[in-house]
Amino acid sequence: MKITREDEGGRGRYVTNVEGHEAELTFHKEGRTLTIDHVGVPGALEGRGIGTQLVAHAVQEARARNEKLVPLCPFAAAKIGKRPEWKDVLA
């Protein structure tokens, strides 16, 4: 699954297209801190782990870019909270 990052000013998203459906993780950025405000997966793709893959990708990218994450989205917060190895990227 290909996940791409789109940045536009202080906002951005990680997005993937699966079987013609778009799933995304949106964020706003201040300096080197990304605040995750939403993870959206269409009903047709629910239960396939796509939201989790988006969060995992955001964590990997944060490490690579020396960024920190603030997961305001309850889904992202729950996923990161269950993975102690991801806590190093939290602001």
Protein backbone atom coordinates (compact mmCIF):
# COMPACT_ATOMS: atom_id res chain seq x y z
CA MET A 1 0.00 0.00 0.00
CA LYS A 2 1.48 3.34 -1.05
CA ILE A 3 1.09 6.19 1.44
CA THR A 4 2.04 9.70 0.39
CA ARG A 5 2.44 12.92 2.35
CA GLU A 6 0.88 16.15 1.17
CA ASP A 7 1.82 19.45 2.81
CA GLU A 8 0.02 22.74 2.28
CA GLY A 9 1.12 25.55 4.55
CA GLY A 10 0.59 24.56 8.16
CA ARG A 11 -1.65 21.62 7.30
CA GLY A 12 -1.08 18.28 5.68
CA ARG A 13 -2.08 14.68 5.40
CA TYR A 14 -0.91 11.16 4.75
CA VAL A 15 -3.14 9.60 2.15
CA THR A 16 -3.60 6.26 0.45
CA ASN A 17 -5.98 5.01 -2.20
CA VAL A 18 -7.20 1.43 -1.91
CA GLU A 19 -9.63 -0.05 -4.43
CA GLY A 20 -10.75 3.44 -5.45
CA HIS A 21 -11.34 4.60 -1.86
CA GLU A 22 -9.24 7.29 -0.20
CA ALA A 23 -8.14 6.99 3.44
CA GLU A 24 -6.25 9.75 5.21
CA LEU A 25 -4.55 10.93 8.36
CA THR A 26 -4.72 14.72 8.64
CA PHE A 27 -2.50 16.97 10.72
CA HIS A 28 -1.53 20.55 11.35
CA LYS A 29 2.08 21.50 11.78
CA GLU A 30 3.87 23.97 14.03
CA GLY A 31 7.62 23.86 13.67
CA ARG A 32 8.64 20.23 13.97
CA THR A 33 5.43 19.14 15.73
CA LEU A 34 2.56 17.48 13.88
CA THR A 35 -0.80 17.40 15.63
CA ILE A 36 -2.85 14.50 14.27
CA ASP A 37 -6.45 15.69 14.18
CA HIS A 38 -8.19 12.96 12.18
CA VAL A 39 -7.79 9.47 10.77
CA GLY A 40 -10.49 8.73 8.21
CA VAL A 41 -11.14 5.38 6.57
CA PRO A 42 -14.22 4.84 4.39
CA GLY A 43 -16.69 2.17 5.47
CA ALA A 44 -15.75 -0.01 2.50
CA LEU A 45 -12.22 -0.33 3.92
CA GLU A 46 -12.99 -0.64 7.64
CA GLY A 47 -11.54 -3.57 9.55
CA ARG A 48 -8.55 -4.00 7.24
CA GLY A 49 -5.97 -2.20 9.37
CA ILE A 50 -5.62 0.75 7.02
CA GLY A 51 -6.05 3.35 9.76
CA THR A 52 -3.38 1.60 11.81
CA GLN A 53 -1.05 1.57 8.80
CA LEU A 54 -1.55 5.32 8.36
CA VAL A 55 -0.65 5.93 12.01
CA ALA A 56 2.38 3.62 11.74
CA HIS A 57 3.53 5.49 8.64
CA ALA A 58 3.17 8.85 10.41
CA VAL A 59 5.31 7.50 13.28
CA GLN A 60 8.01 6.25 10.88
CA GLU A 61 8.02 9.55 8.98
CA ALA A 62 8.20 11.55 12.22
CA ARG A 63 11.33 9.62 13.18
CA ALA A 64 12.90 10.07 9.75
CA ARG A 65 12.13 13.80 9.67
CA ASN A 66 13.00 14.44 13.32
CA GLU A 67 9.42 15.53 14.04
CA LYS A 68 7.21 14.97 17.07
CA LEU A 69 3.55 13.93 17.14
CA VAL A 70 0.59 15.05 19.22
CA PRO A 71 -2.28 12.59 18.63
CA LEU A 72 -5.49 14.57 19.27
CA CYS A 73 -7.51 12.10 17.20
CA PRO A 74 -8.82 9.40 19.59
CA PHE A 75 -8.03 6.62 17.09
CA ALA A 76 -4.41 7.73 16.64
CA ALA A 77 -4.00 8.27 20.39
CA ALA A 78 -5.28 4.76 21.12
CA LYS A 79 -3.00 3.13 18.53
CA ILE A 80 0.10 5.01 19.70
CA GLY A 81 -0.82 4.37 23.35
CA LYS A 82 -0.80 0.60 22.74
CA ARG A 83 2.68 0.63 21.21
CA PRO A 84 5.41 1.57 23.72
CA GLU A 85 7.97 1.53 20.89
CA TRP A 86 6.16 4.47 19.27
CA LYS A 87 6.22 6.75 22.31
CA ASP A 88 9.61 8.21 21.40
CA VAL A 89 7.92 10.38 18.75
CA LEU A 90 5.42 11.96 21.15
CA ALA A 91 5.82 15.67 21.87
